[in-house]
N, C-alpha and C. Protein backbone atom coordinates (compact mmCIF):
# COMPACT_ATOMS: atom_id res chain seq x y z
N MET A 1 118.73 128.49 98.35
CA MET A 1 118.18 129.72 97.81
C MET A 1 117.52 129.46 96.46
N CYS A 2 116.34 130.00 96.21
CA CYS A 2 115.61 129.79 94.98
C CYS A 2 116.08 130.74 93.89
N SER A 3 115.95 130.30 92.66
CA SER A 3 116.15 131.16 91.49
C SER A 3 114.78 131.53 90.94
N ARG A 4 114.61 132.80 90.63
CA ARG A 4 113.34 133.29 90.10
C ARG A 4 113.45 133.38 88.57
N VAL A 5 112.63 132.61 87.87
CA VAL A 5 112.74 132.45 86.43
C VAL A 5 111.46 132.94 85.76
N LEU A 6 111.62 133.85 84.80
CA LEU A 6 110.50 134.34 84.00
C LEU A 6 110.41 133.52 82.72
N VAL A 7 109.26 132.94 82.48
CA VAL A 7 109.02 132.13 81.28
C VAL A 7 108.01 132.85 80.40
N ILE A 8 108.37 133.02 79.12
CA ILE A 8 107.47 133.65 78.15
C ILE A 8 107.31 132.70 76.97
N THR A 9 106.09 132.48 76.52
CA THR A 9 105.85 131.54 75.43
C THR A 9 104.59 131.89 74.67
N ASP A 10 104.57 131.50 73.40
CA ASP A 10 103.35 131.58 72.59
C ASP A 10 102.73 132.97 72.57
N THR A 11 103.58 133.98 72.35
CA THR A 11 103.05 135.34 72.29
C THR A 11 102.52 135.70 70.90
N HIS A 12 102.99 135.03 69.87
CA HIS A 12 102.41 135.14 68.52
C HIS A 12 102.17 136.58 68.08
N GLY A 13 103.13 137.46 68.36
CA GLY A 13 103.05 138.82 67.87
C GLY A 13 102.33 139.82 68.76
N ILE A 14 101.89 139.38 69.95
CA ILE A 14 101.15 140.30 70.84
C ILE A 14 101.84 140.43 72.20
N PHE A 15 103.18 140.33 72.21
CA PHE A 15 103.88 140.39 73.49
C PHE A 15 103.61 141.68 74.24
N LEU A 16 103.66 142.82 73.56
CA LEU A 16 103.60 144.10 74.25
C LEU A 16 102.34 144.26 75.10
N PRO A 17 101.13 144.02 74.58
CA PRO A 17 99.95 144.12 75.46
C PRO A 17 99.95 143.09 76.59
N ILE A 18 100.52 141.93 76.34
CA ILE A 18 100.64 140.93 77.42
C ILE A 18 101.54 141.49 78.53
N TYR A 19 102.67 142.05 78.13
CA TYR A 19 103.61 142.63 79.08
C TYR A 19 102.98 143.79 79.84
N GLU A 20 102.33 144.70 79.14
CA GLU A 20 101.72 145.86 79.79
C GLU A 20 100.68 145.44 80.83
N LYS A 21 100.00 144.35 80.56
CA LYS A 21 98.98 143.86 81.49
C LYS A 21 99.59 143.27 82.75
N ASN A 22 100.82 142.78 82.65
CA ASN A 22 101.39 142.01 83.75
C ASN A 22 102.72 142.52 84.30
N LYS A 23 103.23 143.64 83.78
CA LYS A 23 104.59 144.05 84.12
C LYS A 23 104.80 144.31 85.61
N ASP A 24 103.78 144.72 86.32
CA ASP A 24 103.93 145.00 87.75
C ASP A 24 104.08 143.73 88.59
N LYS A 25 103.81 142.56 88.00
CA LYS A 25 103.89 141.30 88.73
C LYS A 25 105.24 140.62 88.58
N ILE A 26 106.06 141.08 87.66
CA ILE A 26 107.27 140.33 87.31
C ILE A 26 108.32 140.38 88.41
N GLY A 27 108.62 141.57 88.91
CA GLY A 27 109.65 141.69 89.93
C GLY A 27 111.03 141.36 89.38
N ARG A 28 111.99 141.12 90.27
CA ARG A 28 113.36 140.79 89.86
C ARG A 28 113.44 139.31 89.53
N VAL A 29 114.09 139.00 88.42
CA VAL A 29 114.24 137.61 88.02
C VAL A 29 115.71 137.32 87.72
N SER A 30 116.09 136.05 87.93
CA SER A 30 117.47 135.62 87.69
C SER A 30 117.70 135.21 86.24
N MET A 31 116.62 134.75 85.58
CA MET A 31 116.77 134.22 84.23
C MET A 31 115.47 134.39 83.47
N LEU A 32 115.61 134.57 82.15
CA LEU A 32 114.48 134.66 81.24
C LEU A 32 114.57 133.51 80.24
N ILE A 33 113.47 132.79 80.07
CA ILE A 33 113.40 131.70 79.11
C ILE A 33 112.24 131.94 78.15
N LEU A 34 112.53 131.92 76.85
CA LEU A 34 111.48 131.98 75.83
C LEU A 34 111.26 130.56 75.30
N LEU A 35 110.01 130.10 75.35
CA LEU A 35 109.71 128.72 74.97
C LEU A 35 109.21 128.57 73.54
N GLY A 36 109.18 129.66 72.77
CA GLY A 36 108.86 129.52 71.36
C GLY A 36 107.53 130.08 70.94
N ASP A 37 107.34 130.16 69.63
CA ASP A 37 106.17 130.75 68.98
C ASP A 37 106.04 132.23 69.30
N HIS A 38 107.12 132.95 68.95
CA HIS A 38 107.16 134.40 69.09
C HIS A 38 107.43 135.01 67.72
N SER A 39 106.93 136.19 67.48
CA SER A 39 107.32 136.90 66.27
C SER A 39 108.72 137.49 66.48
N VAL A 40 109.37 137.84 65.36
CA VAL A 40 110.67 138.50 65.45
C VAL A 40 110.55 139.81 66.22
N ALA A 41 109.46 140.54 65.98
CA ALA A 41 109.24 141.80 66.69
C ALA A 41 109.05 141.58 68.19
N ASP A 42 108.36 140.49 68.56
CA ASP A 42 108.19 140.16 69.98
C ASP A 42 109.54 139.99 70.66
N VAL A 43 110.41 139.22 70.03
CA VAL A 43 111.72 138.92 70.64
C VAL A 43 112.56 140.19 70.74
N ALA A 44 112.49 141.04 69.72
CA ALA A 44 113.22 142.30 69.78
C ALA A 44 112.74 143.16 70.94
N ARG A 45 111.43 143.22 71.15
CA ARG A 45 110.88 144.00 72.25
C ARG A 45 111.23 143.38 73.60
N ILE A 46 111.16 142.07 73.70
CA ILE A 46 111.53 141.37 74.94
C ILE A 46 112.99 141.67 75.29
N LYS A 47 113.85 141.58 74.31
CA LYS A 47 115.27 141.85 74.54
C LYS A 47 115.48 143.29 74.98
N GLN A 48 114.78 144.22 74.36
CA GLN A 48 114.90 145.63 74.70
C GLN A 48 114.48 145.88 76.15
N ILE A 49 113.40 145.25 76.58
CA ILE A 49 112.86 145.48 77.92
C ILE A 49 113.75 144.86 78.99
N PHE A 50 114.27 143.67 78.73
CA PHE A 50 114.95 142.91 79.78
C PHE A 50 116.47 142.90 79.65
N ASP A 51 117.04 143.50 78.62
CA ASP A 51 118.48 143.41 78.40
C ASP A 51 119.29 143.93 79.57
N SER A 52 118.85 145.00 80.19
CA SER A 52 119.64 145.61 81.25
C SER A 52 119.34 145.04 82.64
N THR A 53 118.28 144.25 82.76
CA THR A 53 117.89 143.75 84.09
C THR A 53 118.06 142.24 84.26
N VAL A 54 118.12 141.50 83.18
CA VAL A 54 118.26 140.05 83.25
C VAL A 54 119.47 139.63 82.42
N ILE A 55 120.50 139.14 83.07
CA ILE A 55 121.74 138.78 82.38
C ILE A 55 121.58 137.45 81.66
N MET A 56 120.98 136.46 82.31
CA MET A 56 120.88 135.12 81.75
C MET A 56 119.59 134.99 80.96
N LYS A 57 119.72 134.83 79.63
CA LYS A 57 118.56 134.71 78.76
C LYS A 57 118.77 133.55 77.79
N TYR A 58 117.74 132.74 77.61
CA TYR A 58 117.79 131.64 76.65
C TYR A 58 116.46 131.56 75.91
N GLY A 59 116.49 130.92 74.76
CA GLY A 59 115.26 130.74 74.01
C GLY A 59 115.19 129.37 73.36
N LEU A 60 113.98 128.97 73.00
CA LEU A 60 113.73 127.76 72.23
C LEU A 60 112.87 128.13 71.03
N TYR A 61 112.98 127.35 69.98
CA TYR A 61 112.13 127.55 68.81
C TYR A 61 110.86 126.70 68.94
N GLY A 62 109.72 127.31 68.62
CA GLY A 62 108.46 126.59 68.60
C GLY A 62 108.10 126.16 67.18
N ASN A 63 106.96 125.56 67.04
CA ASN A 63 106.55 125.02 65.74
C ASN A 63 106.22 126.10 64.72
N HIS A 64 105.96 127.34 65.16
CA HIS A 64 105.67 128.42 64.23
C HIS A 64 106.87 129.32 63.96
N ASP A 65 108.02 129.02 64.54
CA ASP A 65 109.16 129.91 64.46
C ASP A 65 110.00 129.68 63.20
N VAL A 66 110.78 130.70 62.87
CA VAL A 66 111.75 130.64 61.78
C VAL A 66 113.13 130.88 62.38
N PRO A 67 114.22 130.57 61.65
CA PRO A 67 115.55 130.72 62.23
C PRO A 67 115.86 132.11 62.75
N GLU A 68 115.24 133.14 62.17
CA GLU A 68 115.52 134.52 62.58
C GLU A 68 114.84 134.90 63.89
N THR A 69 113.95 134.07 64.39
CA THR A 69 113.12 134.46 65.53
C THR A 69 113.93 134.86 66.75
N LEU A 70 114.90 134.05 67.14
CA LEU A 70 115.61 134.29 68.39
C LEU A 70 116.68 135.37 68.29
N ALA A 71 117.02 135.79 67.06
CA ALA A 71 118.05 136.83 66.89
C ALA A 71 119.31 136.42 67.66
N ASP A 72 119.77 137.26 68.59
CA ASP A 72 121.01 136.93 69.31
C ASP A 72 120.75 136.38 70.71
N ILE A 73 119.55 135.90 70.98
CA ILE A 73 119.29 135.20 72.25
C ILE A 73 119.75 133.76 72.09
N PRO A 74 120.62 133.25 72.97
CA PRO A 74 121.15 131.89 72.81
C PRO A 74 120.04 130.84 72.83
N CYS A 75 120.13 129.91 71.90
CA CYS A 75 119.16 128.80 71.86
C CYS A 75 119.56 127.75 72.90
N LEU A 76 118.60 127.33 73.70
CA LEU A 76 118.84 126.39 74.80
C LEU A 76 118.83 124.93 74.35
N ASP A 77 118.40 124.67 73.13
CA ASP A 77 118.22 123.30 72.66
C ASP A 77 119.46 122.43 72.90
N HIS A 78 119.28 121.37 73.69
CA HIS A 78 120.31 120.37 73.98
C HIS A 78 121.54 120.92 74.71
N LYS A 79 121.48 122.13 75.23
CA LYS A 79 122.60 122.66 76.01
C LYS A 79 122.48 122.19 77.47
N SER A 80 123.61 122.10 78.13
CA SER A 80 123.65 121.78 79.55
C SER A 80 124.03 123.04 80.32
N CYS A 81 123.10 123.54 81.16
CA CYS A 81 123.30 124.82 81.85
C CYS A 81 122.99 124.67 83.34
N ARG A 82 123.43 125.68 84.10
CA ARG A 82 123.20 125.65 85.54
C ARG A 82 122.86 127.04 86.06
N LEU A 83 121.86 127.10 86.91
CA LEU A 83 121.53 128.31 87.66
C LEU A 83 121.09 127.84 89.05
N GLY A 84 122.05 127.38 89.84
CA GLY A 84 121.68 126.64 91.04
C GLY A 84 121.25 125.25 90.62
N PHE A 85 120.10 125.13 89.97
CA PHE A 85 119.63 123.87 89.38
C PHE A 85 120.24 123.68 87.98
N THR A 86 120.27 122.44 87.51
CA THR A 86 120.73 122.15 86.15
C THR A 86 119.54 122.13 85.21
N PHE A 87 119.74 122.56 83.96
CA PHE A 87 118.62 122.59 83.03
C PHE A 87 119.09 122.46 81.59
N THR A 88 118.16 122.07 80.73
CA THR A 88 118.40 121.98 79.30
C THR A 88 117.10 122.32 78.58
N GLY A 89 117.12 122.23 77.24
CA GLY A 89 115.93 122.58 76.48
C GLY A 89 115.77 121.71 75.25
N LEU A 90 114.54 121.71 74.71
CA LEU A 90 114.23 120.96 73.49
C LEU A 90 113.35 121.81 72.60
N ASN A 91 113.84 122.07 71.37
CA ASN A 91 113.08 122.85 70.39
C ASN A 91 111.86 122.09 69.88
N GLY A 92 110.93 122.84 69.28
CA GLY A 92 109.91 122.29 68.41
C GLY A 92 108.80 121.50 69.07
N SER A 93 107.94 120.96 68.20
CA SER A 93 106.80 120.17 68.66
C SER A 93 106.65 118.95 67.76
N HIS A 94 105.66 118.14 68.04
CA HIS A 94 105.31 117.07 67.12
C HIS A 94 105.04 117.70 65.75
N ARG A 95 105.69 117.16 64.69
CA ARG A 95 105.55 117.77 63.36
C ARG A 95 104.21 117.34 62.75
N TYR A 96 103.34 118.32 62.60
CA TYR A 96 102.00 118.04 62.08
C TYR A 96 101.73 118.67 60.72
N LYS A 97 102.72 119.37 60.17
CA LYS A 97 102.59 119.91 58.82
C LYS A 97 103.96 119.95 58.16
N PRO A 98 104.04 119.76 56.84
CA PRO A 98 105.34 119.62 56.18
C PRO A 98 106.17 120.89 56.18
N THR A 99 105.55 122.05 56.33
CA THR A 99 106.29 123.31 56.32
C THR A 99 106.92 123.66 57.67
N GLN A 100 106.67 122.88 58.67
CA GLN A 100 107.16 123.16 60.02
C GLN A 100 108.66 122.95 60.10
N ILE A 101 109.40 123.98 60.50
CA ILE A 101 110.86 123.89 60.54
C ILE A 101 111.34 123.15 61.79
N TYR A 102 110.79 123.50 62.94
CA TYR A 102 111.28 122.95 64.21
C TYR A 102 110.28 121.94 64.74
N GLY A 103 110.65 120.66 64.67
CA GLY A 103 109.75 119.63 65.17
C GLY A 103 110.25 118.25 64.79
N TYR A 104 109.52 117.27 65.26
CA TYR A 104 109.90 115.87 65.08
C TYR A 104 108.65 115.03 64.84
N ASN A 105 108.76 113.98 64.02
CA ASN A 105 107.77 112.92 64.15
C ASN A 105 108.12 112.14 65.41
N GLN A 106 107.28 111.21 65.80
CA GLN A 106 107.51 110.55 67.10
C GLN A 106 108.83 109.78 67.12
N ALA A 107 109.18 109.13 66.03
CA ALA A 107 110.45 108.37 66.00
C ALA A 107 111.63 109.31 66.12
N GLU A 108 111.58 110.46 65.43
CA GLU A 108 112.67 111.43 65.51
C GLU A 108 112.77 112.03 66.91
N GLY A 109 111.62 112.26 67.54
CA GLY A 109 111.62 112.79 68.90
C GLY A 109 112.25 111.83 69.89
N LEU A 110 111.96 110.55 69.73
CA LEU A 110 112.57 109.54 70.60
C LEU A 110 114.08 109.51 70.42
N GLN A 111 114.53 109.71 69.19
CA GLN A 111 115.97 109.75 68.93
C GLN A 111 116.60 111.01 69.50
N ALA A 112 115.91 112.14 69.38
CA ALA A 112 116.47 113.43 69.80
C ALA A 112 116.76 113.48 71.29
N VAL A 113 115.90 112.89 72.10
CA VAL A 113 116.09 112.99 73.56
C VAL A 113 117.25 112.14 74.05
N LYS A 114 117.74 111.22 73.22
CA LYS A 114 118.87 110.39 73.64
C LYS A 114 120.11 111.23 73.92
N SER A 115 120.23 112.38 73.25
CA SER A 115 121.40 113.24 73.43
C SER A 115 121.12 114.43 74.34
N LEU A 116 119.95 114.48 74.96
CA LEU A 116 119.67 115.53 75.94
C LEU A 116 120.49 115.28 77.21
N PRO A 117 121.10 116.32 77.78
CA PRO A 117 121.80 116.14 79.06
C PRO A 117 120.85 115.70 80.17
N LYS A 118 121.38 115.01 81.15
CA LYS A 118 120.60 114.62 82.33
C LYS A 118 120.59 115.79 83.31
N VAL A 119 119.44 116.39 83.49
CA VAL A 119 119.33 117.60 84.30
C VAL A 119 118.11 117.49 85.21
N SER A 120 117.96 118.49 86.08
CA SER A 120 116.82 118.48 86.99
C SER A 120 115.61 119.22 86.44
N VAL A 121 115.82 120.11 85.44
CA VAL A 121 114.70 120.85 84.83
C VAL A 121 114.84 120.81 83.31
N LEU A 122 113.77 120.37 82.65
CA LEU A 122 113.71 120.40 81.19
C LEU A 122 112.73 121.48 80.76
N PHE A 123 113.20 122.41 79.92
CA PHE A 123 112.34 123.39 79.28
C PHE A 123 112.10 122.91 77.85
N SER A 124 110.86 122.95 77.39
CA SER A 124 110.55 122.52 76.03
C SER A 124 109.40 123.35 75.48
N HIS A 125 109.29 123.37 74.16
CA HIS A 125 108.11 124.01 73.59
C HIS A 125 106.91 123.09 73.72
N ASP A 126 107.07 121.83 73.37
CA ASP A 126 105.97 120.87 73.37
C ASP A 126 105.89 120.14 74.71
N SER A 127 104.81 119.40 74.86
CA SER A 127 104.50 118.69 76.10
C SER A 127 104.92 117.22 76.01
N PRO A 128 104.87 116.50 77.13
CA PRO A 128 104.93 115.05 77.05
C PRO A 128 103.76 114.52 76.20
N PHE A 129 103.88 113.29 75.74
CA PHE A 129 102.88 112.71 74.85
C PHE A 129 101.53 112.55 75.54
N ARG A 130 100.48 112.89 74.80
CA ARG A 130 99.10 112.72 75.29
C ARG A 130 98.30 112.08 74.17
N ASP A 131 97.92 110.80 74.33
CA ASP A 131 97.38 110.03 73.21
C ASP A 131 95.92 110.33 72.88
N ASN A 132 95.30 111.24 73.61
CA ASN A 132 93.89 111.57 73.34
C ASN A 132 93.75 112.91 72.62
N GLN A 133 94.84 113.40 72.02
CA GLN A 133 94.82 114.71 71.40
C GLN A 133 95.10 114.61 69.90
N ASP A 134 94.81 115.69 69.16
CA ASP A 134 95.09 115.72 67.73
C ASP A 134 96.58 115.83 67.48
N ASP A 135 96.98 115.67 66.21
CA ASP A 135 98.41 115.65 65.86
C ASP A 135 99.15 116.92 66.27
N ALA A 136 98.46 118.06 66.24
CA ALA A 136 99.12 119.31 66.57
C ALA A 136 99.41 119.45 68.05
N HIS A 137 98.68 118.73 68.89
CA HIS A 137 98.77 118.93 70.34
C HIS A 137 98.95 117.64 71.13
N CYS A 138 99.41 116.58 70.45
CA CYS A 138 99.55 115.29 71.14
C CYS A 138 100.83 115.18 71.95
N GLY A 139 101.76 116.12 71.75
CA GLY A 139 103.01 116.06 72.49
C GLY A 139 103.99 115.07 71.89
N LEU A 140 105.12 114.92 72.55
CA LEU A 140 106.20 114.07 72.06
C LEU A 140 106.45 112.88 72.98
N GLN A 141 106.44 111.69 72.38
CA GLN A 141 106.78 110.50 73.14
C GLN A 141 108.20 110.59 73.68
N GLY A 142 109.06 111.31 72.97
CA GLY A 142 110.43 111.47 73.43
C GLY A 142 110.53 112.18 74.76
N ILE A 143 109.69 113.19 74.98
CA ILE A 143 109.71 113.88 76.27
C ILE A 143 109.25 112.94 77.37
N THR A 144 108.22 112.16 77.10
CA THR A 144 107.77 111.18 78.08
C THR A 144 108.87 110.17 78.39
N LYS A 145 109.58 109.71 77.36
CA LYS A 145 110.67 108.76 77.58
C LYS A 145 111.77 109.38 78.42
N TYR A 146 112.10 110.65 78.14
CA TYR A 146 113.13 111.34 78.92
C TYR A 146 112.74 111.42 80.39
N ILE A 147 111.49 111.74 80.66
CA ILE A 147 111.01 111.83 82.04
C ILE A 147 111.16 110.49 82.74
N LYS A 148 110.78 109.42 82.06
CA LYS A 148 110.81 108.09 82.68
C LYS A 148 112.22 107.56 82.86
N LYS A 149 113.14 108.02 82.03
CA LYS A 149 114.53 107.55 82.13
C LYS A 149 115.37 108.40 83.06
N VAL A 150 115.23 109.73 82.95
CA VAL A 150 116.10 110.66 83.67
C VAL A 150 115.49 111.11 85.00
N HIS A 151 114.17 111.12 85.09
CA HIS A 151 113.45 111.57 86.29
C HIS A 151 113.78 113.02 86.68
N PRO A 152 113.66 113.96 85.75
CA PRO A 152 113.86 115.36 86.15
C PRO A 152 112.81 115.77 87.17
N LYS A 153 113.16 116.70 88.01
CA LYS A 153 112.20 117.19 88.99
C LYS A 153 111.04 117.92 88.33
N THR A 154 111.37 118.66 87.24
CA THR A 154 110.40 119.58 86.65
C THR A 154 110.53 119.62 85.14
N VAL A 155 109.39 119.68 84.45
CA VAL A 155 109.33 119.97 83.02
C VAL A 155 108.42 121.19 82.85
N ILE A 156 108.90 122.19 82.11
CA ILE A 156 108.13 123.41 81.86
C ILE A 156 108.03 123.59 80.35
N HIS A 157 106.80 123.66 79.84
CA HIS A 157 106.60 123.75 78.39
C HIS A 157 105.49 124.74 78.06
N GLY A 158 105.32 125.00 76.77
CA GLY A 158 104.27 125.87 76.27
C GLY A 158 103.38 125.14 75.29
N HIS A 159 103.08 125.77 74.14
CA HIS A 159 102.45 125.18 72.98
C HIS A 159 100.94 124.96 73.08
N LEU A 160 100.41 124.62 74.23
CA LEU A 160 99.02 124.19 74.31
C LEU A 160 98.03 125.34 74.54
N HIS A 161 98.55 126.53 74.83
CA HIS A 161 97.69 127.72 75.02
C HIS A 161 96.68 127.52 76.15
N LYS A 162 97.07 126.74 77.14
CA LYS A 162 96.20 126.50 78.29
C LYS A 162 97.07 126.15 79.49
N PRO A 163 97.12 127.01 80.51
CA PRO A 163 97.96 126.70 81.68
C PRO A 163 97.53 125.39 82.35
N ASP A 164 98.51 124.65 82.84
CA ASP A 164 98.20 123.37 83.47
C ASP A 164 99.36 122.97 84.37
N HIS A 165 99.07 122.10 85.31
CA HIS A 165 100.09 121.50 86.18
C HIS A 165 99.63 120.10 86.54
N TYR A 166 100.50 119.12 86.30
CA TYR A 166 100.18 117.75 86.68
C TYR A 166 101.49 117.02 86.97
N GLN A 167 101.39 115.80 87.43
CA GLN A 167 102.57 115.02 87.80
C GLN A 167 102.63 113.72 87.01
N ILE A 168 103.85 113.31 86.70
CA ILE A 168 104.10 112.00 86.10
C ILE A 168 104.92 111.21 87.10
N LYS A 169 104.39 110.07 87.53
CA LYS A 169 105.07 109.23 88.52
C LYS A 169 105.63 108.00 87.83
N ASN A 170 106.86 107.64 88.21
CA ASN A 170 107.53 106.50 87.60
C ASN A 170 108.54 105.92 88.57
N PHE A 171 108.36 104.64 88.93
CA PHE A 171 109.26 103.95 89.84
C PHE A 171 109.48 104.73 91.13
N GLY A 172 108.41 105.29 91.67
CA GLY A 172 108.47 105.98 92.95
C GLY A 172 108.99 107.39 92.87
N ARG A 173 109.32 107.87 91.69
CA ARG A 173 109.79 109.24 91.52
C ARG A 173 108.71 110.06 90.82
N THR A 174 108.71 111.35 91.11
CA THR A 174 107.67 112.23 90.59
C THR A 174 108.29 113.39 89.82
N THR A 175 107.77 113.65 88.63
CA THR A 175 108.14 114.83 87.85
C THR A 175 106.93 115.75 87.75
N ASP A 176 107.10 116.99 88.15
CA ASP A 176 106.04 117.99 88.01
C ASP A 176 106.12 118.60 86.61
N VAL A 177 104.99 118.62 85.92
CA VAL A 177 104.92 119.16 84.56
C VAL A 177 104.04 120.41 84.59
N TYR A 178 104.59 121.52 84.09
CA TYR A 178 103.87 122.79 84.05
C TYR A 178 103.72 123.25 82.61
N CYS A 179 102.51 123.56 82.20
CA CYS A 179 102.27 124.20 80.92
C CYS A 179 102.03 125.68 81.16
N VAL A 180 102.83 126.51 80.50
CA VAL A 180 102.71 127.97 80.62
C VAL A 180 102.02 128.50 79.37
N TYR A 181 101.16 129.49 79.54
CA TYR A 181 100.62 130.21 78.41
C TYR A 181 100.97 131.68 78.55
N GLN A 182 101.75 132.16 77.66
CA GLN A 182 102.20 133.55 77.56
C GLN A 182 103.25 133.92 78.61
N MET A 183 102.90 134.13 79.88
CA MET A 183 103.91 134.53 80.86
C MET A 183 103.65 133.90 82.22
N ALA A 184 104.74 133.49 82.87
CA ALA A 184 104.67 132.97 84.23
C ALA A 184 106.02 133.15 84.89
N VAL A 185 106.02 133.16 86.21
CA VAL A 185 107.26 133.22 86.99
C VAL A 185 107.33 132.00 87.89
N PHE A 186 108.50 131.37 87.91
CA PHE A 186 108.75 130.20 88.75
C PHE A 186 109.86 130.52 89.74
N GLU A 187 109.72 130.05 90.97
CA GLU A 187 110.81 130.03 91.94
C GLU A 187 111.27 128.58 92.05
N ILE A 188 112.53 128.34 91.66
CA ILE A 188 113.03 126.98 91.52
C ILE A 188 114.18 126.74 92.49
N GLU A 189 114.07 125.65 93.25
CA GLU A 189 115.10 125.28 94.22
C GLU A 189 116.33 124.72 93.50
N LYS A 190 117.43 124.55 94.24
CA LYS A 190 118.67 124.05 93.66
C LYS A 190 118.54 122.64 93.11
N ASP A 191 117.61 121.86 93.64
CA ASP A 191 117.43 120.49 93.14
C ASP A 191 116.45 120.42 91.97
N GLY A 192 115.94 121.58 91.52
CA GLY A 192 115.01 121.60 90.41
C GLY A 192 113.55 121.58 90.81
N THR A 193 113.27 121.51 92.10
CA THR A 193 111.90 121.54 92.58
C THR A 193 111.32 122.95 92.49
N VAL A 194 110.09 123.06 92.02
CA VAL A 194 109.42 124.36 91.96
C VAL A 194 108.84 124.67 93.34
N LYS A 195 109.34 125.75 93.95
CA LYS A 195 108.82 126.17 95.24
C LYS A 195 107.50 126.90 95.07
N SER A 196 107.40 127.73 94.03
CA SER A 196 106.15 128.44 93.75
C SER A 196 106.14 128.86 92.29
N PHE A 197 104.95 129.08 91.76
CA PHE A 197 104.85 129.61 90.41
C PHE A 197 103.58 130.44 90.30
N GLU A 198 103.65 131.41 89.38
CA GLU A 198 102.49 132.27 89.13
C GLU A 198 102.28 132.38 87.63
N GLN A 199 101.17 131.88 87.13
CA GLN A 199 100.77 132.08 85.75
C GLN A 199 100.10 133.44 85.66
N PHE A 200 100.63 134.32 84.82
CA PHE A 200 100.09 135.67 84.70
C PHE A 200 98.82 135.68 83.82
N ASP A 201 98.12 136.79 83.88
CA ASP A 201 96.90 136.94 83.09
C ASP A 201 97.23 136.85 81.59
N THR A 202 96.34 136.22 80.84
CA THR A 202 96.55 136.04 79.41
C THR A 202 95.61 136.93 78.61
N LEU A 203 95.93 137.08 77.35
CA LEU A 203 95.07 137.83 76.44
C LEU A 203 94.35 136.85 75.51
């Protein structure tokens, strides 16, 4: 049986119009995951809307977030969780400015993933490393290392403001990587495989 997971990311203070545009597509979901870069007001509104309908809620901090952002939504960073499939999370992005609270330089990112649980689905704010991008959007070598060592079925991230789906193959195993922008719904099998996903309309 699949779990239906709502992913929200990079709303940057405009969650409500995003939600109003897409609310009829959401349907019933088993879990809500926030991947970061939300205003405090966004998270308060998200919690208000989904508190009575979605029991399992987790969040991650993005590169623009402050400690107050998640309020009382549990932070998924480095936790080991299960919803049919096993999953964990990683805060932040590649640190590209000194004022950034949640993030890593590449060496720190490589160190951080050493303590990530071995799971079938990794949720993160940032992407695997991409060496043809600027410092703000190059991703983390640590996420790439985790994929090559642990071989999760799926990685779901935000940060890039552009929906995408691609695969990373290593030693005959394949990890599907999904970039979400603003809102999407995933149906995830017990082994962490994505059966289907829908990226909602963006603003």
